[in-house]
Amino acid sequence: MFFGLSGVAVLGIFWCFTIQALLLLGLGGALIGIWVRATTKAARMRFSELAASRDGESICQFARSFDTRRVDTWIIRAVYEALQEELAFAHPSFPVLASDTLPTLLIDSDALDMAVAPEVARRTGRSLDHIEANPYYGRVKSVRDLVMCFNEQPKALA
């Protein structure tokens, strides 16, 4: 009889802690969801305001920011379009400027390494092999730096 009551007590305590844990997980998940939604909405508003201040800017003005006799125009276009795709969550057709810093565009090193750089390399036929030897390696802070970094990369072997 004693073991039966203690077993029920242990089961009751376990059940209470399990329910509390599930409630806390649910509440934590809901709070994270609300935070992500609010952050995304704030980013959309910020990018909309920034885009509105750049009325009339397009890839044409972006390309004019570079000396196209020294910089491959395929790279200029690929960087512009890859960044626009990366920013599509916040604003469609966001007018990127060469002077934009990557943090301003909410591009962190992970997004750069895993999404933007491979896409630019694919579009331009440039290799990412031996990128450590690139003079811009580890120094890409702006969109201009990104263009110049790819301009220094050799073409991939077919």
N, C-alpha and C. Protein backbone atom coordinates (compact mmCIF):
# COMPACT_ATOMS: atom_id res chain seq x y z
N MET A 1 0.83 -1.19 0.00
CA MET A 1 0.00 0.00 0.00
C MET A 1 0.88 1.26 0.00
N PHE A 2 1.97 1.23 0.76
CA PHE A 2 2.85 2.38 0.84
C PHE A 2 3.47 2.69 -0.53
N PHE A 3 3.93 1.64 -1.25
CA PHE A 3 4.54 1.84 -2.56
C PHE A 3 3.53 2.36 -3.57
N GLY A 4 2.28 1.98 -3.43
CA GLY A 4 1.24 2.45 -4.35
C GLY A 4 1.01 3.94 -4.20
N LEU A 5 0.95 4.43 -2.96
CA LEU A 5 0.72 5.86 -2.73
C LEU A 5 1.93 6.69 -3.16
N SER A 6 3.13 6.20 -2.86
CA SER A 6 4.31 6.97 -3.25
C SER A 6 4.46 6.97 -4.77
N GLY A 7 4.10 5.89 -5.41
CA GLY A 7 4.14 5.83 -6.88
C GLY A 7 3.18 6.83 -7.48
N VAL A 8 1.98 6.96 -6.90
CA VAL A 8 1.00 7.93 -7.39
C VAL A 8 1.51 9.34 -7.15
N ALA A 9 2.13 9.57 -6.01
CA ALA A 9 2.68 10.90 -5.71
C ALA A 9 3.78 11.26 -6.70
N VAL A 10 4.68 10.33 -6.97
CA VAL A 10 5.76 10.57 -7.92
C VAL A 10 5.18 10.85 -9.30
N LEU A 11 4.20 10.06 -9.70
CA LEU A 11 3.55 10.26 -11.00
C LEU A 11 2.86 11.62 -11.05
N GLY A 12 2.22 12.04 -9.97
CA GLY A 12 1.57 13.34 -9.92
C GLY A 12 2.56 14.49 -10.04
N ILE A 13 3.67 14.37 -9.33
CA ILE A 13 4.71 15.39 -9.40
C ILE A 13 5.29 15.46 -10.80
N PHE A 14 5.59 14.27 -11.38
CA PHE A 14 6.12 14.22 -12.74
C PHE A 14 5.14 14.86 -13.72
N TRP A 15 3.86 14.58 -13.55
CA TRP A 15 2.82 15.13 -14.44
C TRP A 15 2.77 16.66 -14.32
N CYS A 16 2.85 17.17 -13.11
CA CYS A 16 2.83 18.62 -12.90
C CYS A 16 4.03 19.29 -13.56
N PHE A 17 5.22 18.72 -13.36
CA PHE A 17 6.41 19.31 -13.98
C PHE A 17 6.35 19.23 -15.50
N THR A 18 5.82 18.14 -16.02
CA THR A 18 5.70 17.98 -17.46
C THR A 18 4.75 19.02 -18.04
N ILE A 19 3.62 19.22 -17.40
CA ILE A 19 2.65 20.22 -17.87
C ILE A 19 3.26 21.61 -17.79
N GLN A 20 3.95 21.91 -16.69
CA GLN A 20 4.59 23.22 -16.56
C GLN A 20 5.65 23.42 -17.65
N ALA A 21 6.43 22.38 -17.89
CA ALA A 21 7.47 22.49 -18.92
C ALA A 21 6.84 22.73 -20.29
N LEU A 22 5.78 22.02 -20.59
CA LEU A 22 5.11 22.20 -21.87
C LEU A 22 4.50 23.59 -21.99
N LEU A 23 3.91 24.08 -20.92
CA LEU A 23 3.36 25.43 -20.93
C LEU A 23 4.45 26.48 -21.13
N LEU A 24 5.58 26.30 -20.45
CA LEU A 24 6.69 27.24 -20.60
C LEU A 24 7.26 27.19 -22.02
N LEU A 25 7.39 25.98 -22.57
CA LEU A 25 7.87 25.86 -23.95
C LEU A 25 6.91 26.53 -24.93
N GLY A 26 5.62 26.32 -24.72
CA GLY A 26 4.62 26.94 -25.60
C GLY A 26 4.66 28.45 -25.49
N LEU A 27 4.75 28.95 -24.27
CA LEU A 27 4.82 30.39 -24.05
C LEU A 27 6.10 30.97 -24.65
N GLY A 28 7.22 30.26 -24.44
CA GLY A 28 8.49 30.72 -25.01
C GLY A 28 8.44 30.73 -26.53
N GLY A 29 7.87 29.70 -27.12
CA GLY A 29 7.73 29.65 -28.58
C GLY A 29 6.87 30.78 -29.10
N ALA A 30 5.78 31.05 -28.40
CA ALA A 30 4.89 32.14 -28.82
C ALA A 30 5.60 33.49 -28.73
N LEU A 31 6.37 33.70 -27.66
CA LEU A 31 7.11 34.96 -27.51
C LEU A 31 8.18 35.11 -28.59
N ILE A 32 8.85 34.03 -28.93
CA ILE A 32 9.85 34.09 -30.00
C ILE A 32 9.17 34.41 -31.32
N GLY A 33 8.03 33.78 -31.57
CA GLY A 33 7.28 34.06 -32.79
C GLY A 33 6.86 35.52 -32.89
N ILE A 34 6.39 36.08 -31.79
CA ILE A 34 5.99 37.49 -31.76
C ILE A 34 7.19 38.38 -32.01
N TRP A 35 8.32 38.06 -31.38
CA TRP A 35 9.54 38.85 -31.57
C TRP A 35 10.02 38.81 -33.01
N VAL A 36 10.02 37.62 -33.63
CA VAL A 36 10.46 37.49 -35.03
C VAL A 36 9.54 38.29 -35.94
N ARG A 37 8.25 38.19 -35.71
CA ARG A 37 7.29 38.92 -36.54
C ARG A 37 7.47 40.43 -36.40
N ALA A 38 7.66 40.89 -35.18
CA ALA A 38 7.85 42.33 -34.95
C ALA A 38 9.16 42.80 -35.58
N THR A 39 10.21 42.00 -35.46
CA THR A 39 11.51 42.36 -36.04
C THR A 39 11.41 42.41 -37.56
N THR A 40 10.74 41.43 -38.16
CA THR A 40 10.57 41.41 -39.61
C THR A 40 9.75 42.60 -40.07
N LYS A 41 8.70 42.93 -39.33
CA LYS A 41 7.87 44.08 -39.69
C LYS A 41 8.68 45.37 -39.59
N ALA A 42 9.49 45.49 -38.56
CA ALA A 42 10.33 46.68 -38.40
C ALA A 42 11.34 46.77 -39.54
N ALA A 43 11.91 45.64 -39.93
CA ALA A 43 12.87 45.64 -41.04
C ALA A 43 12.18 46.05 -42.34
N ARG A 44 10.98 45.54 -42.56
CA ARG A 44 10.23 45.92 -43.77
C ARG A 44 9.96 47.41 -43.79
N MET A 45 9.57 47.97 -42.66
CA MET A 45 9.30 49.41 -42.59
C MET A 45 10.58 50.21 -42.84
N ARG A 46 11.67 49.77 -42.23
CA ARG A 46 12.95 50.46 -42.39
C ARG A 46 13.41 50.42 -43.84
N PHE A 47 13.29 49.26 -44.48
CA PHE A 47 13.69 49.14 -45.87
C PHE A 47 12.76 49.91 -46.80
N SER A 48 11.48 49.96 -46.47
CA SER A 48 10.55 50.75 -47.28
C SER A 48 10.91 52.23 -47.22
N GLU A 49 11.23 52.72 -46.04
CA GLU A 49 11.63 54.12 -45.89
C GLU A 49 12.94 54.40 -46.62
N LEU A 50 13.88 53.49 -46.49
CA LEU A 50 15.16 53.64 -47.17
C LEU A 50 14.98 53.60 -48.68
N ALA A 51 14.15 52.70 -49.17
CA ALA A 51 13.88 52.60 -50.61
C ALA A 51 13.20 53.87 -51.11
N ALA A 52 12.27 54.40 -50.33
CA ALA A 52 11.57 55.63 -50.73
C ALA A 52 12.56 56.79 -50.84
N SER A 53 13.56 56.81 -49.98
CA SER A 53 14.55 57.89 -50.04
C SER A 53 15.49 57.74 -51.24
N ARG A 54 15.46 56.57 -51.87
CA ARG A 54 16.31 56.30 -53.03
C ARG A 54 15.50 56.23 -54.32
N ASP A 55 14.42 56.97 -54.35
CA ASP A 55 13.54 56.96 -55.52
C ASP A 55 14.35 57.30 -56.77
N GLY A 56 14.20 56.50 -57.80
CA GLY A 56 14.91 56.73 -59.05
C GLY A 56 16.23 55.97 -59.16
N GLU A 57 16.70 55.40 -58.06
CA GLU A 57 17.94 54.61 -58.09
C GLU A 57 17.63 53.24 -58.68
N SER A 58 18.54 52.74 -59.48
CA SER A 58 18.37 51.42 -60.09
C SER A 58 19.74 50.81 -60.32
N ILE A 59 19.74 49.69 -61.01
CA ILE A 59 21.02 49.04 -61.33
C ILE A 59 21.88 49.95 -62.20
N CYS A 60 21.26 50.84 -62.96
CA CYS A 60 22.03 51.76 -63.81
C CYS A 60 22.93 52.67 -62.96
N GLN A 61 22.36 53.28 -61.94
CA GLN A 61 23.15 54.14 -61.05
C GLN A 61 24.17 53.32 -60.27
N PHE A 62 23.78 52.11 -59.89
CA PHE A 62 24.69 51.22 -59.19
C PHE A 62 25.91 50.93 -60.05
N ALA A 63 25.68 50.58 -61.31
CA ALA A 63 26.78 50.26 -62.23
C ALA A 63 27.68 51.47 -62.47
N ARG A 64 27.09 52.66 -62.50
CA ARG A 64 27.89 53.87 -62.72
C ARG A 64 28.83 54.18 -61.54
N SER A 65 28.62 53.50 -60.43
CA SER A 65 29.48 53.68 -59.26
C SER A 65 30.84 53.00 -59.44
N PHE A 66 30.98 52.22 -60.52
CA PHE A 66 32.19 51.45 -60.75
C PHE A 66 32.83 51.85 -62.07
N ASP A 67 34.13 51.69 -62.15
CA ASP A 67 34.85 51.89 -63.41
C ASP A 67 34.70 50.59 -64.20
N THR A 68 33.78 50.59 -65.15
CA THR A 68 33.46 49.36 -65.88
C THR A 68 34.56 48.94 -66.85
N ARG A 69 35.60 49.74 -66.99
CA ARG A 69 36.76 49.30 -67.77
C ARG A 69 37.65 48.38 -66.92
N ARG A 70 37.48 48.48 -65.60
CA ARG A 70 38.31 47.67 -64.69
C ARG A 70 37.51 46.62 -63.93
N VAL A 71 36.20 46.81 -63.86
CA VAL A 71 35.36 45.89 -63.09
C VAL A 71 34.42 45.18 -64.07
N ASP A 72 34.38 43.87 -63.97
CA ASP A 72 33.53 43.05 -64.83
C ASP A 72 32.05 43.40 -64.60
N THR A 73 31.37 43.78 -65.65
CA THR A 73 29.95 44.19 -65.51
C THR A 73 29.06 43.03 -65.11
N TRP A 74 29.46 41.80 -65.42
CA TRP A 74 28.69 40.63 -64.97
C TRP A 74 28.71 40.55 -63.45
N ILE A 75 29.83 40.90 -62.87
CA ILE A 75 29.94 40.89 -61.40
C ILE A 75 29.05 41.97 -60.80
N ILE A 76 29.09 43.15 -61.38
CA ILE A 76 28.25 44.25 -60.89
C ILE A 76 26.79 43.83 -60.88
N ARG A 77 26.34 43.28 -62.00
CA ARG A 77 24.94 42.85 -62.11
C ARG A 77 24.62 41.71 -61.14
N ALA A 78 25.52 40.73 -61.06
CA ALA A 78 25.28 39.57 -60.20
C ALA A 78 25.19 39.96 -58.73
N VAL A 79 26.07 40.85 -58.28
CA VAL A 79 26.02 41.29 -56.88
C VAL A 79 24.72 42.05 -56.62
N TYR A 80 24.36 42.94 -57.51
CA TYR A 80 23.13 43.72 -57.35
C TYR A 80 21.92 42.80 -57.24
N GLU A 81 21.81 41.85 -58.16
CA GLU A 81 20.64 40.96 -58.19
C GLU A 81 20.64 39.97 -57.02
N ALA A 82 21.80 39.47 -56.65
CA ALA A 82 21.87 38.55 -55.50
C ALA A 82 21.45 39.25 -54.22
N LEU A 83 21.87 40.49 -54.05
CA LEU A 83 21.48 41.24 -52.86
C LEU A 83 19.98 41.56 -52.89
N GLN A 84 19.46 41.87 -54.05
CA GLN A 84 18.02 42.11 -54.14
C GLN A 84 17.23 40.86 -53.74
N GLU A 85 17.69 39.71 -54.18
CA GLU A 85 17.02 38.46 -53.80
C GLU A 85 17.11 38.24 -52.30
N GLU A 86 18.25 38.53 -51.72
CA GLU A 86 18.44 38.35 -50.28
C GLU A 86 17.56 39.31 -49.48
N LEU A 87 17.27 40.48 -50.05
CA LEU A 87 16.47 41.49 -49.35
C LEU A 87 14.99 41.44 -49.72
N ALA A 88 14.60 40.47 -50.52
CA ALA A 88 13.20 40.39 -50.97
C ALA A 88 12.22 40.23 -49.82
N PHE A 89 12.66 39.67 -48.69
CA PHE A 89 11.76 39.51 -47.55
C PHE A 89 11.29 40.87 -47.03
N ALA A 90 12.12 41.87 -47.19
CA ALA A 90 11.82 43.18 -46.63
C ALA A 90 11.28 44.16 -47.66
N HIS A 91 11.76 44.07 -48.89
CA HIS A 91 11.32 45.02 -49.91
C HIS A 91 11.62 44.45 -51.29
N PRO A 92 10.62 44.37 -52.15
CA PRO A 92 10.90 43.89 -53.51
C PRO A 92 11.68 44.94 -54.29
N SER A 93 12.65 44.52 -55.04
CA SER A 93 13.46 45.42 -55.88
C SER A 93 14.10 46.55 -55.08
N PHE A 94 14.72 46.20 -53.98
CA PHE A 94 15.38 47.22 -53.15
C PHE A 94 16.54 47.84 -53.91
N PRO A 95 16.60 49.18 -53.99
CA PRO A 95 17.68 49.86 -54.73
C PRO A 95 18.99 49.87 -53.93
N VAL A 96 19.86 48.95 -54.27
CA VAL A 96 21.13 48.79 -53.58
C VAL A 96 22.11 49.86 -54.07
N LEU A 97 22.88 50.40 -53.16
CA LEU A 97 23.94 51.36 -53.50
C LEU A 97 25.29 50.71 -53.22
N ALA A 98 26.30 51.08 -53.98
CA ALA A 98 27.65 50.55 -53.77
C ALA A 98 28.16 50.92 -52.38
N SER A 99 27.72 52.04 -51.86
CA SER A 99 28.19 52.51 -50.55
C SER A 99 27.47 51.84 -49.38
N ASP A 100 26.44 51.06 -49.63
CA ASP A 100 25.73 50.38 -48.54
C ASP A 100 26.67 49.43 -47.81
N THR A 101 26.61 49.48 -46.50
CA THR A 101 27.36 48.49 -45.73
C THR A 101 26.51 47.24 -45.60
N LEU A 102 27.14 46.11 -45.46
CA LEU A 102 26.39 44.86 -45.35
C LEU A 102 25.52 44.83 -44.09
N PRO A 103 26.00 45.31 -42.93
CA PRO A 103 25.11 45.34 -41.77
C PRO A 103 23.86 46.22 -41.98
N THR A 104 24.00 47.31 -42.74
CA THR A 104 22.84 48.16 -43.03
C THR A 104 21.79 47.37 -43.79
N LEU A 105 22.26 46.45 -44.64
CA LEU A 105 21.35 45.62 -45.43
C LEU A 105 20.96 44.34 -44.70
N LEU A 106 21.36 44.24 -43.44
CA LEU A 106 21.09 43.06 -42.61
C LEU A 106 21.71 41.79 -43.20
N ILE A 107 22.86 41.96 -43.86
CA ILE A 107 23.60 40.83 -44.40
C ILE A 107 24.74 40.53 -43.42
N ASP A 108 24.64 39.40 -42.73
CA ASP A 108 25.72 39.02 -41.82
C ASP A 108 26.68 38.08 -42.54
N SER A 109 27.72 37.68 -41.86
CA SER A 109 28.74 36.84 -42.50
C SER A 109 28.19 35.49 -42.93
N ASP A 110 27.22 34.95 -42.19
CA ASP A 110 26.62 33.68 -42.59
C ASP A 110 25.85 33.82 -43.89
N ALA A 111 25.04 34.86 -43.99
CA ALA A 111 24.27 35.09 -45.22
C ALA A 111 25.21 35.35 -46.39
N LEU A 112 26.28 36.07 -46.13
CA LEU A 112 27.25 36.35 -47.18
C LEU A 112 27.92 35.06 -47.66
N ASP A 113 28.38 34.25 -46.71
CA ASP A 113 29.11 33.03 -47.06
C ASP A 113 28.22 31.93 -47.62
N MET A 114 26.99 31.85 -47.14
CA MET A 114 26.14 30.71 -47.51
C MET A 114 25.12 31.01 -48.60
N ALA A 115 24.79 32.26 -48.82
CA ALA A 115 23.75 32.58 -49.81
C ALA A 115 24.26 33.52 -50.90
N VAL A 116 24.77 34.66 -50.51
CA VAL A 116 25.12 35.69 -51.49
C VAL A 116 26.36 35.29 -52.30
N ALA A 117 27.45 34.96 -51.65
CA ALA A 117 28.69 34.66 -52.37
C ALA A 117 28.54 33.47 -53.33
N PRO A 118 27.95 32.35 -52.90
CA PRO A 118 27.78 31.25 -53.86
C PRO A 118 26.91 31.62 -55.05
N GLU A 119 25.89 32.44 -54.82
CA GLU A 119 25.01 32.86 -55.92
C GLU A 119 25.76 33.77 -56.89
N VAL A 120 26.55 34.70 -56.37
CA VAL A 120 27.33 35.58 -57.25
C VAL A 120 28.35 34.74 -58.03
N ALA A 121 29.00 33.82 -57.36
CA ALA A 121 29.98 32.96 -58.04
C ALA A 121 29.31 32.16 -59.16
N ARG A 122 28.13 31.63 -58.90
CA ARG A 122 27.40 30.86 -59.90
C ARG A 122 27.05 31.72 -61.10
N ARG A 123 26.55 32.92 -60.84
CA ARG A 123 26.13 33.82 -61.93
C ARG A 123 27.29 34.33 -62.77
N THR A 124 28.43 34.51 -62.14
CA THR A 124 29.55 35.12 -62.84
C THR A 124 30.56 34.11 -63.38
N GLY A 125 30.45 32.88 -62.94
CA GLY A 125 31.44 31.89 -63.34
C GLY A 125 32.77 32.08 -62.64
N ARG A 126 32.74 32.77 -61.51
CA ARG A 126 33.97 32.99 -60.74
C ARG A 126 34.12 31.88 -59.71
N SER A 127 35.33 31.55 -59.42
CA SER A 127 35.65 30.50 -58.46
C SER A 127 35.72 31.07 -57.05
N LEU A 128 35.32 30.27 -56.09
CA LEU A 128 35.51 30.63 -54.68
C LEU A 128 36.71 29.90 -54.09
N ASP A 129 37.40 29.13 -54.93
CA ASP A 129 38.60 28.42 -54.48
C ASP A 129 39.70 29.43 -54.15
N HIS A 130 40.42 29.16 -53.11
CA HIS A 130 41.57 29.98 -52.68
C HIS A 130 41.18 31.43 -52.44
N ILE A 131 39.97 31.64 -51.95
CA ILE A 131 39.52 33.01 -51.69
C ILE A 131 40.35 33.67 -50.59
N GLU A 132 41.01 32.86 -49.79
CA GLU A 132 41.85 33.41 -48.72
C GLU A 132 43.00 34.25 -49.29
N ALA A 133 43.38 33.99 -50.55
CA ALA A 133 44.47 34.75 -51.18
C ALA A 133 43.97 36.08 -51.77
N ASN A 134 42.66 36.29 -51.77
CA ASN A 134 42.08 37.51 -52.32
C ASN A 134 42.41 38.68 -51.38
N PRO A 135 42.85 39.82 -51.92
CA PRO A 135 43.18 40.96 -51.06
C PRO A 135 41.98 41.50 -50.27
N TYR A 136 40.77 41.19 -50.72
CA TYR A 136 39.57 41.64 -50.01
C TYR A 136 39.07 40.62 -48.99
N TYR A 137 39.69 39.47 -48.94
CA TYR A 137 39.24 38.42 -48.01
C TYR A 137 39.25 38.93 -46.57
N GLY A 138 38.13 38.78 -45.90
CA GLY A 138 38.00 39.23 -44.51
C GLY A 138 37.81 40.72 -44.37
N ARG A 139 37.75 41.45 -45.48
CA ARG A 139 37.62 42.91 -45.43
C ARG A 139 36.37 43.39 -46.15
N VAL A 140 35.47 42.49 -46.50
CA VAL A 140 34.25 42.88 -47.21
C VAL A 140 33.27 43.47 -46.20
N LYS A 141 33.14 44.78 -46.24
CA LYS A 141 32.25 45.49 -45.32
C LYS A 141 31.10 46.17 -46.06
N SER A 142 31.30 46.46 -47.34
CA SER A 142 30.29 47.18 -48.12
C SER A 142 29.98 46.41 -49.40
N VAL A 143 28.97 46.87 -50.10
CA VAL A 143 28.60 46.27 -51.38
C VAL A 143 29.75 46.49 -52.37
N ARG A 144 30.36 47.65 -52.36
CA ARG A 144 31.51 47.92 -53.23
C ARG A 144 32.63 46.90 -52.97
N ASP A 145 32.91 46.64 -51.70
CA ASP A 145 33.94 45.65 -51.36
C ASP A 145 33.60 44.27 -51.93
N LEU A 146 32.33 43.92 -51.87
CA LEU A 146 31.89 42.62 -52.39
C LEU A 146 32.12 42.53 -53.89
N VAL A 147 31.77 43.58 -54.61
CA VAL A 147 32.01 43.61 -56.06
C VAL A 147 33.51 43.49 -56.34
N MET A 148 34.30 44.26 -55.63
CA MET A 148 35.74 44.26 -55.88
C MET A 148 36.36 42.91 -55.49
N CYS A 149 35.85 42.28 -54.46
CA CYS A 149 36.34 40.97 -54.05
C CYS A 149 36.12 39.96 -55.18
N PHE A 150 34.94 39.94 -55.76
CA PHE A 150 34.67 39.01 -56.85
C PHE A 150 35.45 39.37 -58.10
N ASN A 151 35.70 40.64 -58.29
CA ASN A 151 36.49 41.06 -59.44
C ASN A 151 37.91 40.52 -59.37
N GLU A 152 38.41 40.28 -58.16
CA GLU A 152 39.75 39.74 -57.96
C GLU A 152 39.80 38.22 -58.06
N GLN A 153 38.64 37.56 -58.01
CA GLN A 153 38.60 36.10 -58.08
C GLN A 153 38.77 35.61 -59.51
N PRO A 154 39.51 34.52 -59.71
CA PRO A 154 39.66 33.98 -61.06
C PRO A 154 38.38 33.32 -61.53
N LYS A 155 38.26 33.21 -62.85
CA LYS A 155 37.13 32.49 -63.42
C LYS A 155 37.28 31.02 -63.12
N ALA A 156 36.14 30.37 -62.88
CA ALA A 156 36.17 28.94 -62.59
C ALA A 156 36.50 28.16 -63.85
N LEU A 157 37.22 27.08 -63.67
CA LEU A 157 37.54 26.23 -64.81
C LEU A 157 36.31 25.42 -65.19
N ALA A 158 36.03 25.33 -66.46
CA ALA A 158 34.82 24.64 -66.93
C ALA A 158 34.94 23.16 -66.85
